[in-house]
Amino acid sequence: MIREFLLKINQPWLPTLGTALFVGIFVGMLIWINRRGSNSYYEEASFLPLDEGVKSER
């Protein structure tokens, strides 16, 4: 039913909008991850699973 509805609508700009939205979010996340001062946060967060594992074994 959804497939039939999507086949009947005639809006060729939707794939372009979807691609632009995906690329925008992807680039935004790359900028967010590589912002200044985030290295210490990610360094600290990388040890959290190991610390939690040690606490649960005690």
PDB file of N, CA and C in Angstrom:
ATOM      1  N   MET A   1       0.810  -1.184   0.000  1.00  0.00           N
ATOM      2  CA  MET A   1       0.000   0.000   0.000  1.00  0.00           C
ATOM      3  C   MET A   1       0.866   1.265   0.000  1.00  0.00           C
ATOM      4  N   ILE A   2       1.895   1.275   0.839  1.00  0.00           N
ATOM      5  CA  ILE A   2       2.802   2.422   0.862  1.00  0.00           C
ATOM      6  C   ILE A   2       3.561   2.509  -0.457  1.00  0.00           C
ATOM      7  N   ARG A   3       3.957   1.367  -0.993  1.00  0.00           N
ATOM      8  CA  ARG A   3       4.681   1.347  -2.263  1.00  0.00           C
ATOM      9  C   ARG A   3       3.822   1.929  -3.381  1.00  0.00           C
ATOM     10  N   GLU A   4       2.550   1.583  -3.401  1.00  0.00           N
ATOM     11  CA  GLU A   4       1.646   2.110  -4.430  1.00  0.00           C
ATOM     12  C   GLU A   4       1.498   3.623  -4.298  1.00  0.00           C
ATOM     13  N   PHE A   5       1.390   4.097  -3.069  1.00  0.00           N
ATOM     14  CA  PHE A   5       1.278   5.541  -2.846  1.00  0.00           C
ATOM     15  C   PHE A   5       2.538   6.251  -3.330  1.00  0.00           C
ATOM     16  N   LEU A   6       3.701   5.710  -3.001  1.00  0.00           N
ATOM     17  CA  LEU A   6       4.958   6.346  -3.399  1.00  0.00           C
ATOM     18  C   LEU A   6       5.158   6.319  -4.907  1.00  0.00           C
ATOM     19  N   LEU A   7       4.647   5.284  -5.571  1.00  0.00           N
ATOM     20  CA  LEU A   7       4.771   5.218  -7.021  1.00  0.00           C
ATOM     21  C   LEU A   7       3.875   6.245  -7.710  1.00  0.00           C
ATOM     22  N   LYS A   8       2.773   6.615  -7.084  1.00  0.00           N
ATOM     23  CA  LYS A   8       1.818   7.529  -7.713  1.00  0.00           C
ATOM     24  C   LYS A   8       2.166   8.997  -7.511  1.00  0.00           C
ATOM     25  N   ILE A   9       2.921   9.341  -6.471  1.00  0.00           N
ATOM     26  CA  ILE A   9       3.242  10.752  -6.277  1.00  0.00           C
ATOM     27  C   ILE A   9       4.318  11.167  -7.269  1.00  0.00           C
ATOM     28  N   ASN A  10       4.212  12.392  -7.740  1.00  0.00           N
ATOM     29  CA  ASN A  10       5.149  12.888  -8.747  1.00  0.00           C
ATOM     30  C   ASN A  10       5.913  14.070  -8.160  1.00  0.00           C
ATOM     31  N   GLN A  11       6.906  13.762  -7.362  1.00  0.00           N
ATOM     32  CA  GLN A  11       7.721  14.810  -6.759  1.00  0.00           C
ATOM     33  C   GLN A  11       9.194  14.429  -6.921  1.00  0.00           C
ATOM     34  N   PRO A  12       9.784  14.798  -8.050  1.00  0.00           N
ATOM     35  CA  PRO A  12      11.166  14.383  -8.321  1.00  0.00           C
ATOM     36  C   PRO A  12      12.200  15.055  -7.425  1.00  0.00           C
ATOM     37  N   TRP A  13      11.811  16.075  -6.669  1.00  0.00           N
ATOM     38  CA  TRP A  13      12.765  16.761  -5.806  1.00  0.00           C
ATOM     39  C   TRP A  13      12.987  16.036  -4.486  1.00  0.00           C
ATOM     40  N   LEU A  14      12.156  15.052  -4.161  1.00  0.00           N
ATOM     41  CA  LEU A  14      12.309  14.345  -2.886  1.00  0.00           C
ATOM     42  C   LEU A  14      13.626  13.580  -2.765  1.00  0.00           C
ATOM     43  N   PRO A  15      14.080  12.837  -3.782  1.00  0.00           N
ATOM     44  CA  PRO A  15      15.394  12.178  -3.645  1.00  0.00           C
ATOM     45  C   PRO A  15      16.536  13.176  -3.472  1.00  0.00           C
ATOM     46  N   THR A  16      16.443  14.313  -4.146  1.00  0.00           N
ATOM     47  CA  THR A  16      17.468  15.343  -4.000  1.00  0.00           C
ATOM     48  C   THR A  16      17.459  15.907  -2.589  1.00  0.00           C
ATOM     49  N   LEU A  17      16.282  16.146  -2.058  1.00  0.00           N
ATOM     50  CA  LEU A  17      16.162  16.642  -0.690  1.00  0.00           C
ATOM     51  C   LEU A  17      16.697  15.618   0.311  1.00  0.00           C
ATOM     52  N   GLY A  18      16.378  14.346   0.101  1.00  0.00           N
ATOM     53  CA  GLY A  18      16.874  13.301   0.989  1.00  0.00           C
ATOM     54  C   GLY A  18      18.387  13.185   0.959  1.00  0.00           C
ATOM     55  N   THR A  19      18.957  13.269  -0.229  1.00  0.00           N
ATOM     56  CA  THR A  19      20.413  13.196  -0.361  1.00  0.00           C
ATOM     57  C   THR A  19      21.075  14.402   0.298  1.00  0.00           C
ATOM     58  N   ALA A  20      20.519  15.591   0.072  1.00  0.00           N
ATOM     59  CA  ALA A  20      21.079  16.802   0.675  1.00  0.00           C
ATOM     60  C   ALA A  20      20.977  16.745   2.197  1.00  0.00           C
ATOM     61  N   LEU A  21      19.869  16.238   2.710  1.00  0.00           N
ATOM     62  CA  LEU A  21      19.701  16.099   4.151  1.00  0.00           C
ATOM     63  C   LEU A  21      20.714  15.127   4.736  1.00  0.00           C
ATOM     64  N   PHE A  22      20.907  13.994   4.068  1.00  0.00           N
ATOM     65  CA  PHE A  22      21.888  13.009   4.535  1.00  0.00           C
ATOM     66  C   PHE A  22      23.297  13.587   4.541  1.00  0.00           C
ATOM     67  N   VAL A  23      23.681  14.237   3.456  1.00  0.00           N
ATOM     68  CA  VAL A  23      25.027  14.804   3.362  1.00  0.00           C
ATOM     69  C   VAL A  23      25.211  15.903   4.409  1.00  0.00           C
ATOM     70  N   GLY A  24      24.176  16.719   4.618  1.00  0.00           N
ATOM     71  CA  GLY A  24      24.264  17.782   5.613  1.00  0.00           C
ATOM     72  C   GLY A  24      24.461  17.234   7.013  1.00  0.00           C
ATOM     73  N   ILE A  25      23.704  16.205   7.372  1.00  0.00           N
ATOM     74  CA  ILE A  25      23.849  15.598   8.702  1.00  0.00           C
ATOM     75  C   ILE A  25      25.210  14.926   8.833  1.00  0.00           C
ATOM     76  N   PHE A  26      25.667  14.246   7.772  1.00  0.00           N
ATOM     77  CA  PHE A  26      26.961  13.569   7.805  1.00  0.00           C
ATOM     78  C   PHE A  26      28.096  14.574   8.001  1.00  0.00           C
ATOM     79  N   VAL A  27      28.085  15.647   7.250  1.00  0.00           N
ATOM     80  CA  VAL A  27      29.134  16.664   7.367  1.00  0.00           C
ATOM     81  C   VAL A  27      29.049  17.340   8.737  1.00  0.00           C
ATOM     82  N   GLY A  28      27.827  17.600   9.190  1.00  0.00           N
ATOM     83  CA  GLY A  28      27.658  18.197  10.510  1.00  0.00           C
ATOM     84  C   GLY A  28      28.227  17.326  11.612  1.00  0.00           C
ATOM     85  N   MET A  29      28.025  16.024  11.526  1.00  0.00           N
ATOM     86  CA  MET A  29      28.577  15.123  12.526  1.00  0.00           C
ATOM     87  C   MET A  29      30.102  15.071  12.462  1.00  0.00           C
ATOM     88  N   LEU A  30      30.658  15.120  11.267  1.00  0.00           N
ATOM     89  CA  LEU A  30      32.121  15.162  11.158  1.00  0.00           C
ATOM     90  C   LEU A  30      32.686  16.420  11.811  1.00  0.00           C
ATOM     91  N   ILE A  31      32.024  17.539  11.586  1.00  0.00           N
ATOM     92  CA  ILE A  31      32.481  18.789  12.210  1.00  0.00           C
ATOM     93  C   ILE A  31      32.324  18.706  13.724  1.00  0.00           C
ATOM     94  N   TRP A  32      31.207  18.149  14.194  1.00  0.00           N
ATOM     95  CA  TRP A  32      30.957  18.049  15.641  1.00  0.00           C
ATOM     96  C   TRP A  32      31.983  17.135  16.316  1.00  0.00           C
ATOM     97  N   ILE A  33      32.305  16.025  15.684  1.00  0.00           N
ATOM     98  CA  ILE A  33      33.251  15.079  16.274  1.00  0.00           C
ATOM     99  C   ILE A  33      34.659  15.663  16.325  1.00  0.00           C
ATOM    100  N   ASN A  34      35.038  16.438  15.326  1.00  0.00           N
ATOM    101  CA  ASN A  34      36.397  16.963  15.241  1.00  0.00           C
ATOM    102  C   ASN A  34      36.533  18.394  15.740  1.00  0.00           C
ATOM    103  N   ARG A  35      35.596  18.870  16.556  1.00  0.00           N
ATOM    104  CA  ARG A  35      35.672  20.234  17.069  1.00  0.00           C
ATOM    105  C   ARG A  35      36.805  20.341  18.086  1.00  0.00           C
ATOM    106  N   ARG A  36      37.206  21.577  18.346  1.00  0.00           N
ATOM    107  CA  ARG A  36      38.291  21.805  19.301  1.00  0.00           C
ATOM    108  C   ARG A  36      37.860  21.413  20.699  1.00  0.00           C
ATOM    109  N   GLY A  37      38.757  20.814  21.423  1.00  0.00           N
ATOM    110  CA  GLY A  37      38.492  20.452  22.810  1.00  0.00           C
ATOM    111  C   GLY A  37      37.750  19.147  22.990  1.00  0.00           C
ATOM    112  N   SER A  38      37.413  18.471  21.911  1.00  0.00           N
ATOM    113  CA  SER A  38      36.650  17.234  22.061  1.00  0.00           C
ATOM    114  C   SER A  38      37.554  16.016  22.255  1.00  0.00           C
ATOM    115  N   ASN A  39      38.843  16.156  22.014  1.00  0.00           N
ATOM    116  CA  ASN A  39      39.743  15.002  22.154  1.00  0.00           C
ATOM    117  C   ASN A  39      39.761  14.468  23.582  1.00  0.00           C
ATOM    118  N   SER A  40      39.779  15.366  24.558  1.00  0.00           N
ATOM    119  CA  SER A  40      39.818  14.898  25.943  1.00  0.00           C
ATOM    120  C   SER A  40      38.520  14.181  26.309  1.00  0.00           C
ATOM    121  N   TYR A  41      37.409  14.670  25.790  1.00  0.00           N
ATOM    122  CA  TYR A  41      36.125  14.023  26.071  1.00  0.00           C
ATOM    123  C   TYR A  41      36.089  12.611  25.492  1.00  0.00           C
ATOM    124  N   TYR A  42      36.512  12.456  24.235  1.00  0.00           N
ATOM    125  CA  TYR A  42      36.493  11.137  23.604  1.00  0.00           C
ATOM    126  C   TYR A  42      37.540  10.206  24.204  1.00  0.00           C
ATOM    127  N   GLU A  43      38.655  10.763  24.649  1.00  0.00           N
ATOM    128  CA  GLU A  43      39.674   9.952  25.321  1.00  0.00           C
ATOM    129  C   GLU A  43      39.108   9.394  26.629  1.00  0.00           C
ATOM    130  N   GLU A  44      38.408  10.228  27.377  1.00  0.00           N
ATOM    131  CA  GLU A  44      37.806   9.788  28.634  1.00  0.00           C
ATOM    132  C   GLU A  44      36.674   8.786  28.378  1.00  0.00           C
ATOM    133  N   ALA A  45      35.878   9.039  27.365  1.00  0.00           N
ATOM    134  CA  ALA A  45      34.748   8.154  27.058  1.00  0.00           C
ATOM    135  C   ALA A  45      35.209   6.795  26.535  1.00  0.00           C
ATOM    136  N   SER A  46      36.394   6.741  25.944  1.00  0.00           N
ATOM    137  CA  SER A  46      36.869   5.473  25.398  1.00  0.00           C
ATOM    138  C   SER A  46      37.195   4.462  26.495  1.00  0.00           C
ATOM    139  N   PHE A  47      37.465   4.932  27.710  1.00  0.00           N
ATOM    140  CA  PHE A  47      37.790   4.026  28.811  1.00  0.00           C
ATOM    141  C   PHE A  47      36.574   3.633  29.639  1.00  0.00           C
ATOM    142  N   LEU A  48      35.412   4.243  29.388  1.00  0.00           N
ATOM    143  CA  LEU A  48      34.225   3.944  30.186  1.00  0.00           C
ATOM    144  C   LEU A  48      33.815   2.476  30.131  1.00  0.00           C
ATOM    145  N   PRO A  49      33.764   1.838  28.961  1.00  0.00           N
ATOM    146  CA  PRO A  49      33.382   0.420  28.963  1.00  0.00           C
ATOM    147  C   PRO A  49      34.339  -0.448  29.763  1.00  0.00           C
ATOM    148  N   LEU A  50      35.623  -0.131  29.714  1.00  0.00           N
ATOM    149  CA  LEU A  50      36.602  -0.914  30.469  1.00  0.00           C
ATOM    150  C   LEU A  50      36.431  -0.691  31.968  1.00  0.00           C
ATOM    151  N   ASP A  51      36.195   0.564  32.360  1.00  0.00           N
ATOM    152  CA  ASP A  51      36.000   0.860  33.781  1.00  0.00           C
ATOM    153  C   ASP A  51      34.736   0.206  34.313  1.00  0.00           C
ATOM    154  N   GLU A  52      33.679   0.229  33.553  1.00  0.00           N
ATOM    155  CA  GLU A  52      32.422  -0.389  33.983  1.00  0.00           C
ATOM    156  C   GLU A  52      32.587  -1.903  34.101  1.00  0.00           C
ATOM    157  N   GLY A  53      33.363  -2.508  33.208  1.00  0.00           N
ATOM    158  CA  GLY A  53      33.592  -3.948  33.273  1.00  0.00           C
ATOM    159  C   GLY A  53      34.361  -4.341  34.512  1.00  0.00           C
ATOM    160  N   VAL A  54      35.337  -3.544  34.894  1.00  0.00           N
ATOM    161  CA  VAL A  54      36.127  -3.826  36.093  1.00  0.00           C
ATOM    162  C   VAL A  54      35.265  -3.662  37.329  1.00  0.00           C
ATOM    163  N   LYS A  55      34.393  -2.655  37.370  1.00  0.00           N
ATOM    164  CA  LYS A  55      33.526  -2.435  38.538  1.00  0.00           C
ATOM    165  C   LYS A  55      32.537  -3.569  38.710  1.00  0.00           C
ATOM    166  N   SER A  56      32.013  -4.091  37.610  1.00  0.00           N
ATOM    167  CA  SER A  56      30.993  -5.139  37.729  1.00  0.00           C
ATOM    168  C   SER A  56      31.595  -6.478  38.133  1.00  0.00           C
ATOM    169  N   GLU A  57      32.893  -6.693  37.928  1.00  0.00           N
ATOM    170  CA  GLU A  57      33.522  -7.953  38.304  1.00  0.00           C
ATOM    171  C   GLU A  57      33.879  -7.991  39.781  1.00  0.00           C
ATOM    172  N   ARG A  58      33.941  -6.879  40.421  1.00  0.00           N
ATOM    173  CA  ARG A  58      34.332  -6.822  41.838  1.00  0.00           C
ATOM    174  C   ARG A  58      33.219  -7.192  42.743  1.00  0.00           C
TER     175      ARG A  58
END
